[in-house]
Amino acid sequence: MKVVAVARTNVVTCTPNTPLREVVELMVERGVGSVVVVDPANPRRPVGIVGERDVLRALALGVDLSTPVSQVMSKLLVAVDAEAHVGEAVLAMREHNVRRVVVLKGGELYGVVALRDIVYNIPLLKEVVEYFQARQPAGASEGR
């Protein structure tokens, strides 16, 4: 199954200068675990992401809530193409130790896929397992 089939396209976004307080309010109001930070000149171009972990880290460090989100966001933006297999999204999450990946279509922001979107979808999870089994050489075992 392709990422485009499971991506959440109602992406909550903000710009780098948005105060952290507003980002937290957006997360609560919209019931999301992350906000994609976009270029103010091109709102289809993601430049970062701020997730629950980033907010908690900022609060633990005493960061003022009026601080621009650019100071606390993850600048390492892990992205996958909308046409990639969902297994590729899982690989990207694992490789970069993140719970969400940004989905790009034609190089522009299309959506977000969270690990929970995959894990809580049993048929999709089975397909991801089959994807990994097909990639593994016969008789090989990853041992994890």
C-alpha atoms as a PDB file:
ATOM      1  CA  MET A   1       0.000   0.000   0.000  1.00  0.00           C
ATOM      2  CA  LYS A   2       1.266   3.455  -0.843  1.00  0.00           C
ATOM      3  CA  VAL A   3       1.778   6.211   1.710  1.00  0.00           C
ATOM      4  CA  VAL A   4      -0.758   8.388  -0.128  1.00  0.00           C
ATOM      5  CA  ALA A   5      -3.494   5.960   0.968  1.00  0.00           C
ATOM      6  CA  VAL A   6      -2.839   6.427   4.689  1.00  0.00           C
ATOM      7  CA  ALA A   7      -1.463   9.968   4.945  1.00  0.00           C
ATOM      8  CA  ARG A   8      -3.441  12.449   6.974  1.00  0.00           C
ATOM      9  CA  THR A   9      -3.911  15.392   4.660  1.00  0.00           C
ATOM     10  CA  ASN A  10      -5.477  17.838   7.103  1.00  0.00           C
ATOM     11  CA  VAL A  11      -2.015  18.922   8.209  1.00  0.00           C
ATOM     12  CA  VAL A  12      -1.778  21.535  10.926  1.00  0.00           C
ATOM     13  CA  THR A  13       0.908  24.058  10.027  1.00  0.00           C
ATOM     14  CA  CYS A  14       2.538  27.183  11.388  1.00  0.00           C
ATOM     15  CA  THR A  15       5.434  29.439  10.410  1.00  0.00           C
ATOM     16  CA  PRO A  16       8.837  29.580  12.136  1.00  0.00           C
ATOM     17  CA  ASN A  17       7.942  32.804  13.962  1.00  0.00           C
ATOM     18  CA  THR A  18       4.783  31.378  15.555  1.00  0.00           C
ATOM     19  CA  PRO A  19       5.102  31.506  19.363  1.00  0.00           C
ATOM     20  CA  LEU A  20       5.400  28.131  21.073  1.00  0.00           C
ATOM     21  CA  ARG A  21       2.230  28.884  23.056  1.00  0.00           C
ATOM     22  CA  GLU A  22       0.184  29.143  19.838  1.00  0.00           C
ATOM     23  CA  VAL A  23       1.635  25.884  18.566  1.00  0.00           C
ATOM     24  CA  VAL A  24       0.694  24.092  21.793  1.00  0.00           C
ATOM     25  CA  GLU A  25      -2.809  25.570  21.574  1.00  0.00           C
ATOM     26  CA  LEU A  26      -3.092  24.347  17.974  1.00  0.00           C
ATOM     27  CA  MET A  27      -2.024  20.855  19.007  1.00  0.00           C
ATOM     28  CA  VAL A  28      -4.650  20.751  21.750  1.00  0.00           C
ATOM     29  CA  GLU A  29      -7.463  22.316  19.700  1.00  0.00           C
ATOM     30  CA  ARG A  30      -6.865  20.112  16.660  1.00  0.00           C
ATOM     31  CA  GLY A  31      -6.013  16.966  18.625  1.00  0.00           C
ATOM     32  CA  VAL A  32      -2.696  16.377  16.874  1.00  0.00           C
ATOM     33  CA  GLY A  33       0.719  15.316  18.097  1.00  0.00           C
ATOM     34  CA  SER A  34       2.688  17.542  15.753  1.00  0.00           C
ATOM     35  CA  VAL A  35       2.589  20.740  13.733  1.00  0.00           C
ATOM     36  CA  VAL A  36       4.515  21.085  10.483  1.00  0.00           C
ATOM     37  CA  VAL A  37       6.489  24.315  10.270  1.00  0.00           C
ATOM     38  CA  VAL A  38       6.350  25.808   6.784  1.00  0.00           C
ATOM     39  CA  ASP A  39       8.171  28.520   4.888  1.00  0.00           C
ATOM     40  CA  PRO A  40       6.129  31.749   5.218  1.00  0.00           C
ATOM     41  CA  ALA A  41       6.820  32.532   1.558  1.00  0.00           C
ATOM     42  CA  ASN A  42       5.671  29.066   0.443  1.00  0.00           C
ATOM     43  CA  PRO A  43       3.219  27.288   2.772  1.00  0.00           C
ATOM     44  CA  ARG A  44       3.627  24.047   0.762  1.00  0.00           C
ATOM     45  CA  ARG A  45       7.338  23.879   1.669  1.00  0.00           C
ATOM     46  CA  PRO A  46       7.964  22.301   5.091  1.00  0.00           C
ATOM     47  CA  VAL A  47      11.047  23.503   6.965  1.00  0.00           C
ATOM     48  CA  GLY A  48      10.605  21.647  10.248  1.00  0.00           C
ATOM     49  CA  ILE A  49       8.216  19.911  12.581  1.00  0.00           C
ATOM     50  CA  VAL A  50       7.374  20.364  16.232  1.00  0.00           C
ATOM     51  CA  GLY A  51       6.015  17.377  18.094  1.00  0.00           C
ATOM     52  CA  GLU A  52       5.030  16.496  21.618  1.00  0.00           C
ATOM     53  CA  ARG A  53       8.609  15.537  22.484  1.00  0.00           C
ATOM     54  CA  ASP A  54       9.899  18.912  21.297  1.00  0.00           C
ATOM     55  CA  VAL A  55       7.333  20.734  23.437  1.00  0.00           C
ATOM     56  CA  LEU A  56       8.142  18.652  26.522  1.00  0.00           C
ATOM     57  CA  ARG A  57      11.874  19.180  26.025  1.00  0.00           C
ATOM     58  CA  ALA A  58      11.351  22.949  25.705  1.00  0.00           C
ATOM     59  CA  LEU A  59       9.215  23.089  28.844  1.00  0.00           C
ATOM     60  CA  ALA A  60      11.723  20.999  30.806  1.00  0.00           C
ATOM     61  CA  LEU A  61      14.452  23.442  29.774  1.00  0.00           C
ATOM     62  CA  GLY A  62      12.360  26.424  30.875  1.00  0.00           C
ATOM     63  CA  VAL A  63      11.844  27.844  27.395  1.00  0.00           C
ATOM     64  CA  ASP A  64       9.405  30.757  27.479  1.00  0.00           C
ATOM     65  CA  LEU A  65       6.141  30.065  25.674  1.00  0.00           C
ATOM     66  CA  SER A  66       6.545  33.281  23.677  1.00  0.00           C
ATOM     67  CA  THR A  67       9.661  31.829  22.033  1.00  0.00           C
ATOM     68  CA  PRO A  68       9.349  31.355  18.250  1.00  0.00           C
ATOM     69  CA  VAL A  69       8.767  27.715  17.395  1.00  0.00           C
ATOM     70  CA  SER A  70      11.857  27.806  15.160  1.00  0.00           C
ATOM     71  CA  GLN A  71      13.914  27.666  18.370  1.00  0.00           C
ATOM     72  CA  VAL A  72      12.425  24.342  19.516  1.00  0.00           C
ATOM     73  CA  MET A  73      11.295  22.572  16.329  1.00  0.00           C
ATOM     74  CA  SER A  74      13.044  19.568  14.860  1.00  0.00           C
ATOM     75  CA  LYS A  75      14.936  20.900  11.884  1.00  0.00           C
ATOM     76  CA  LEU A  76      15.665  17.374  10.711  1.00  0.00           C
ATOM     77  CA  LEU A  77      12.560  16.847   8.643  1.00  0.00           C
ATOM     78  CA  VAL A  78      12.060  13.198   7.811  1.00  0.00           C
ATOM     79  CA  ALA A  79       9.978  12.976   4.658  1.00  0.00           C
ATOM     80  CA  VAL A  80       8.758  10.299   2.272  1.00  0.00           C
ATOM     81  CA  ASP A  81       7.162  10.537  -1.119  1.00  0.00           C
ATOM     82  CA  ALA A  82       3.418   9.964  -1.324  1.00  0.00           C
ATOM     83  CA  GLU A  83       3.977   7.182  -3.873  1.00  0.00           C
ATOM     84  CA  ALA A  84       6.388   5.240  -1.643  1.00  0.00           C
ATOM     85  CA  HIS A  85       5.294   2.008   0.031  1.00  0.00           C
ATOM     86  CA  VAL A  86       4.174   2.384   3.642  1.00  0.00           C
ATOM     87  CA  GLY A  87       7.096   0.145   4.561  1.00  0.00           C
ATOM     88  CA  GLU A  88       9.439   2.922   3.426  1.00  0.00           C
ATOM     89  CA  ALA A  89       7.756   5.297   5.867  1.00  0.00           C
ATOM     90  CA  VAL A  90       8.297   2.774   8.667  1.00  0.00           C
ATOM     91  CA  LEU A  91      11.950   2.399   7.684  1.00  0.00           C
ATOM     92  CA  ALA A  92      12.399   6.185   7.751  1.00  0.00           C
ATOM     93  CA  MET A  93      10.788   6.394  11.198  1.00  0.00           C
ATOM     94  CA  ARG A  94      13.022   3.641  12.508  1.00  0.00           C
ATOM     95  CA  GLU A  95      16.203   5.024  10.961  1.00  0.00           C
ATOM     96  CA  HIS A  96      15.631   8.519  12.357  1.00  0.00           C
ATOM     97  CA  ASN A  97      13.928   7.506  15.625  1.00  0.00           C
ATOM     98  CA  VAL A  98      10.794   9.546  14.934  1.00  0.00           C
ATOM     99  CA  ARG A  99       7.114   8.754  15.251  1.00  0.00           C
ATOM    100  CA  ARG A 100       5.952  10.809  12.269  1.00  0.00           C
ATOM    101  CA  VAL A 101       7.074  11.473   8.730  1.00  0.00           C
ATOM    102  CA  VAL A 102       6.045  14.288   6.473  1.00  0.00           C
ATOM    103  CA  VAL A 103       4.584  13.157   3.168  1.00  0.00           C
ATOM    104  CA  LEU A 104       5.564  15.040   0.023  1.00  0.00           C
ATOM    105  CA  LYS A 105       3.839  14.924  -3.337  1.00  0.00           C
ATOM    106  CA  GLY A 106       5.651  16.604  -6.171  1.00  0.00           C
ATOM    107  CA  GLY A 107       8.109  17.976  -3.618  1.00  0.00           C
ATOM    108  CA  GLU A 108       5.357  19.803  -1.718  1.00  0.00           C
ATOM    109  CA  LEU A 109       3.646  19.144   1.591  1.00  0.00           C
ATOM    110  CA  TYR A 110       0.868  16.605   1.143  1.00  0.00           C
ATOM    111  CA  GLY A 111       0.335  15.068   4.566  1.00  0.00           C
ATOM    112  CA  VAL A 112       1.720  13.345   7.630  1.00  0.00           C
ATOM    113  CA  VAL A 113       1.886   9.690   8.603  1.00  0.00           C
ATOM    114  CA  ALA A 114       2.272   8.763  12.256  1.00  0.00           C
ATOM    115  CA  LEU A 115       3.452   5.414  13.525  1.00  0.00           C
ATOM    116  CA  ARG A 116       0.107   4.960  15.275  1.00  0.00           C
ATOM    117  CA  ASP A 117      -1.672   5.312  11.910  1.00  0.00           C
ATOM    118  CA  ILE A 118       0.109   2.132  10.878  1.00  0.00           C
ATOM    119  CA  VAL A 119       0.293   0.187  14.127  1.00  0.00           C
ATOM    120  CA  TYR A 120      -3.410   0.552  14.937  1.00  0.00           C
ATOM    121  CA  ASN A 121      -4.429  -0.553  11.442  1.00  0.00           C
ATOM    122  CA  ILE A 122      -4.044  -4.352  11.621  1.00  0.00           C
ATOM    123  CA  PRO A 123      -4.536  -5.059   7.881  1.00  0.00           C
ATOM    124  CA  LEU A 124      -1.995  -2.358   7.034  1.00  0.00           C
ATOM    125  CA  LEU A 125       0.397  -3.641   9.693  1.00  0.00           C
ATOM    126  CA  LYS A 126       0.204  -7.111   8.128  1.00  0.00           C
ATOM    127  CA  GLU A 127       1.043  -5.599   4.744  1.00  0.00           C
ATOM    128  CA  VAL A 128       4.067  -3.820   6.225  1.00  0.00           C
ATOM    129  CA  VAL A 129       5.275  -7.119   7.709  1.00  0.00           C
ATOM    130  CA  GLU A 130       4.874  -8.783   4.300  1.00  0.00           C
ATOM    131  CA  TYR A 131       6.791  -5.887   2.732  1.00  0.00           C
ATOM    132  CA  PHE A 132       9.724  -6.466   5.080  1.00  0.00           C
ATOM    133  CA  GLN A 133       9.596 -10.237   4.628  1.00  0.00           C
ATOM    134  CA  ALA A 134       9.786  -9.795   0.858  1.00  0.00           C
ATOM    135  CA  ARG A 135      12.856  -7.569   1.223  1.00  0.00           C
ATOM    136  CA  GLN A 136      14.710 -10.032   3.402  1.00  0.00           C
ATOM    137  CA  PRO A 137      16.932 -12.637   1.735  1.00  0.00           C
ATOM    138  CA  ALA A 138      15.697 -16.218   2.116  1.00  0.00           C
ATOM    139  CA  GLY A 139      16.818 -17.705   5.425  1.00  0.00           C
ATOM    140  CA  ALA A 140      18.011 -14.358   6.796  1.00  0.00           C
ATOM    141  CA  SER A 141      16.949 -13.161  10.210  1.00  0.00           C
ATOM    142  CA  GLU A 142      17.330  -9.645  11.521  1.00  0.00           C
ATOM    143  CA  GLY A 143      17.540 -10.794  15.134  1.00  0.00           C
ATOM    144  CA  ARG A 144      15.765  -7.816  16.700  1.00  0.00           C
END
